[in-house]
Amino acid sequence: MSTDVGRPQHLTVHEARQRLEHERNSRLVQLRAIEAGAGPAEADLRNAQTAAIQRTLKEIEAAGQRLLDGTYGTCSSCATAIPAERLEILPYVRFCVTCQQRST
């Protein structure tokens, strides 16, 4: 018997779009904070953080495109549905857990 009674199995397009927008805005705030607060002694750390955030922003943009083309929520490797719970946590994720673990 499932304990997920009443819990949606998939995010709606609206929910996915909202989550992606929230993630994007959060990352942009982080970038601004890094640019405003880091001194010259912290250049290496600032560069690493900036690069990581920019990679995430690209992933968010790619997820938005998948949303538009109808492939959002489908694993890019095995083509199975990515669980809604995973998409709630990482709305820009491209892989199911199994395929993600294989790639790392």
C-alpha atoms as a PDB file:
ATOM      1  CA  MET A   1       0.000   0.000   0.000  1.00  0.00           C
ATOM      2  CA  SER A   2       1.409   3.385  -1.005  1.00  0.00           C
ATOM      3  CA  THR A   3       1.995   6.123   1.565  1.00  0.00           C
ATOM      4  CA  ASP A   4       1.944   8.804  -1.146  1.00  0.00           C
ATOM      5  CA  VAL A   5      -1.853   9.157  -1.170  1.00  0.00           C
ATOM      6  CA  GLY A   6      -2.772  12.458  -2.764  1.00  0.00           C
ATOM      7  CA  ARG A   7       0.834  13.206  -3.723  1.00  0.00           C
ATOM      8  CA  PRO A   8       1.285  14.017  -7.422  1.00  0.00           C
ATOM      9  CA  GLN A   9       3.479  11.597  -9.375  1.00  0.00           C
ATOM     10  CA  HIS A  10       4.722  14.378 -11.673  1.00  0.00           C
ATOM     11  CA  LEU A  11       5.332  18.086 -11.370  1.00  0.00           C
ATOM     12  CA  THR A  12       3.014  20.178 -13.473  1.00  0.00           C
ATOM     13  CA  VAL A  13       4.585  22.449 -16.079  1.00  0.00           C
ATOM     14  CA  HIS A  14       3.675  25.426 -13.905  1.00  0.00           C
ATOM     15  CA  GLU A  15       5.296  23.868 -10.804  1.00  0.00           C
ATOM     16  CA  ALA A  16       8.425  22.931 -12.742  1.00  0.00           C
ATOM     17  CA  ARG A  17       8.687  26.415 -14.241  1.00  0.00           C
ATOM     18  CA  GLN A  18       8.306  27.984 -10.768  1.00  0.00           C
ATOM     19  CA  ARG A  19      10.975  25.731  -9.266  1.00  0.00           C
ATOM     20  CA  LEU A  20      13.392  26.442 -12.110  1.00  0.00           C
ATOM     21  CA  GLU A  21      12.813  30.183 -11.792  1.00  0.00           C
ATOM     22  CA  HIS A  22      13.398  30.005  -8.041  1.00  0.00           C
ATOM     23  CA  GLU A  23      16.652  28.063  -8.562  1.00  0.00           C
ATOM     24  CA  ARG A  24      17.784  30.559 -11.209  1.00  0.00           C
ATOM     25  CA  ASN A  25      17.040  33.559  -9.004  1.00  0.00           C
ATOM     26  CA  SER A  26      18.812  31.954  -6.039  1.00  0.00           C
ATOM     27  CA  ARG A  27      21.942  31.328  -8.109  1.00  0.00           C
ATOM     28  CA  LEU A  28      21.938  34.903  -9.439  1.00  0.00           C
ATOM     29  CA  VAL A  29      21.737  36.219  -5.867  1.00  0.00           C
ATOM     30  CA  GLN A  30      24.691  33.999  -4.962  1.00  0.00           C
ATOM     31  CA  LEU A  31      26.709  35.344  -7.904  1.00  0.00           C
ATOM     32  CA  ARG A  32      26.030  38.941  -6.885  1.00  0.00           C
ATOM     33  CA  ALA A  33      27.040  38.203  -3.296  1.00  0.00           C
ATOM     34  CA  ILE A  34      30.285  36.569  -4.417  1.00  0.00           C
ATOM     35  CA  GLU A  35      31.132  39.465  -6.707  1.00  0.00           C
ATOM     36  CA  ALA A  36      30.361  42.038  -4.020  1.00  0.00           C
ATOM     37  CA  GLY A  37      32.086  40.419  -1.071  1.00  0.00           C
ATOM     38  CA  ALA A  38      35.232  38.641  -2.192  1.00  0.00           C
ATOM     39  CA  GLY A  39      38.602  40.304  -1.784  1.00  0.00           C
ATOM     40  CA  PRO A  40      41.751  39.690  -3.827  1.00  0.00           C
ATOM     41  CA  ALA A  41      43.049  37.053  -1.393  1.00  0.00           C
ATOM     42  CA  GLU A  42      39.933  34.995  -2.111  1.00  0.00           C
ATOM     43  CA  ALA A  43      40.213  35.068  -5.907  1.00  0.00           C
ATOM     44  CA  ASP A  44      40.662  31.309  -6.356  1.00  0.00           C
ATOM     45  CA  LEU A  45      37.668  30.515  -4.165  1.00  0.00           C
ATOM     46  CA  ARG A  46      35.568  33.194  -5.877  1.00  0.00           C
ATOM     47  CA  ASN A  47      36.488  31.841  -9.317  1.00  0.00           C
ATOM     48  CA  ALA A  48      35.605  28.272  -8.321  1.00  0.00           C
ATOM     49  CA  GLN A  49      32.284  29.320  -6.803  1.00  0.00           C
ATOM     50  CA  THR A  50      31.435  31.481  -9.802  1.00  0.00           C
ATOM     51  CA  ALA A  51      32.225  28.652 -12.227  1.00  0.00           C
ATOM     52  CA  ALA A  52      30.065  26.195 -10.251  1.00  0.00           C
ATOM     53  CA  ILE A  53      27.129  28.604 -10.167  1.00  0.00           C
ATOM     54  CA  GLN A  54      27.459  29.328 -13.887  1.00  0.00           C
ATOM     55  CA  ARG A  55      27.395  25.568 -14.621  1.00  0.00           C
ATOM     56  CA  THR A  56      24.221  25.275 -12.547  1.00  0.00           C
ATOM     57  CA  LEU A  57      22.666  28.221 -14.389  1.00  0.00           C
ATOM     58  CA  LYS A  58      23.365  26.430 -17.694  1.00  0.00           C
ATOM     59  CA  GLU A  59      21.722  23.281 -16.320  1.00  0.00           C
ATOM     60  CA  ILE A  60      18.685  25.345 -15.275  1.00  0.00           C
ATOM     61  CA  GLU A  61      18.501  26.878 -18.752  1.00  0.00           C
ATOM     62  CA  ALA A  62      18.732  23.426 -20.338  1.00  0.00           C
ATOM     63  CA  ALA A  63      15.947  22.173 -18.046  1.00  0.00           C
ATOM     64  CA  GLY A  64      13.785  25.082 -19.197  1.00  0.00           C
ATOM     65  CA  GLN A  65      14.373  24.003 -22.778  1.00  0.00           C
ATOM     66  CA  ARG A  66      13.440  20.396 -21.903  1.00  0.00           C
ATOM     67  CA  LEU A  67      10.262  21.769 -20.357  1.00  0.00           C
ATOM     68  CA  LEU A  68       9.453  23.509 -23.649  1.00  0.00           C
ATOM     69  CA  ASP A  69      10.241  20.503 -25.840  1.00  0.00           C
ATOM     70  CA  GLY A  70       8.358  18.029 -23.663  1.00  0.00           C
ATOM     71  CA  THR A  71      11.313  15.977 -22.387  1.00  0.00           C
ATOM     72  CA  TYR A  72      11.478  17.515 -18.904  1.00  0.00           C
ATOM     73  CA  GLY A  73      11.343  14.866 -16.196  1.00  0.00           C
ATOM     74  CA  THR A  74      12.696  12.129 -18.444  1.00  0.00           C
ATOM     75  CA  CYS A  75      16.173  10.723 -17.807  1.00  0.00           C
ATOM     76  CA  SER A  76      18.552  11.809 -20.562  1.00  0.00           C
ATOM     77  CA  SER A  77      20.327   8.457 -20.371  1.00  0.00           C
ATOM     78  CA  CYS A  78      17.724   5.703 -19.979  1.00  0.00           C
ATOM     79  CA  ALA A  79      14.546   7.663 -20.887  1.00  0.00           C
ATOM     80  CA  THR A  80      12.660   6.611 -17.747  1.00  0.00           C
ATOM     81  CA  ALA A  81      10.619   9.103 -15.748  1.00  0.00           C
ATOM     82  CA  ILE A  82      12.570  10.949 -13.062  1.00  0.00           C
ATOM     83  CA  PRO A  83      10.598  10.756  -9.792  1.00  0.00           C
ATOM     84  CA  ALA A  84       8.746  13.942  -8.827  1.00  0.00           C
ATOM     85  CA  GLU A  85      10.505  13.920  -5.457  1.00  0.00           C
ATOM     86  CA  ARG A  86      13.889  14.178  -7.184  1.00  0.00           C
ATOM     87  CA  LEU A  87      12.658  16.994  -9.415  1.00  0.00           C
ATOM     88  CA  GLU A  88      11.292  18.844  -6.391  1.00  0.00           C
ATOM     89  CA  ILE A  89      14.763  18.836  -4.831  1.00  0.00           C
ATOM     90  CA  LEU A  90      16.781  19.373  -8.040  1.00  0.00           C
ATOM     91  CA  PRO A  91      14.378  20.719 -10.675  1.00  0.00           C
ATOM     92  CA  TYR A  92      17.151  20.942 -13.277  1.00  0.00           C
ATOM     93  CA  VAL A  93      18.390  17.356 -12.918  1.00  0.00           C
ATOM     94  CA  ARG A  94      18.888  15.449 -16.188  1.00  0.00           C
ATOM     95  CA  PHE A  95      19.288  11.904 -14.907  1.00  0.00           C
ATOM     96  CA  CYS A  96      17.486   9.420 -12.681  1.00  0.00           C
ATOM     97  CA  VAL A  97      19.420   8.379  -9.563  1.00  0.00           C
ATOM     98  CA  THR A  98      20.669   5.128 -11.112  1.00  0.00           C
ATOM     99  CA  CYS A  99      22.088   6.817 -14.221  1.00  0.00           C
ATOM    100  CA  GLN A 100      23.533   9.684 -12.149  1.00  0.00           C
ATOM    101  CA  GLN A 101      25.382   7.179  -9.952  1.00  0.00           C
ATOM    102  CA  ARG A 102      26.764   5.408 -13.025  1.00  0.00           C
ATOM    103  CA  SER A 103      28.200   8.659 -14.376  1.00  0.00           C
ATOM    104  CA  THR A 104      30.083   9.574 -11.191  1.00  0.00           C
END
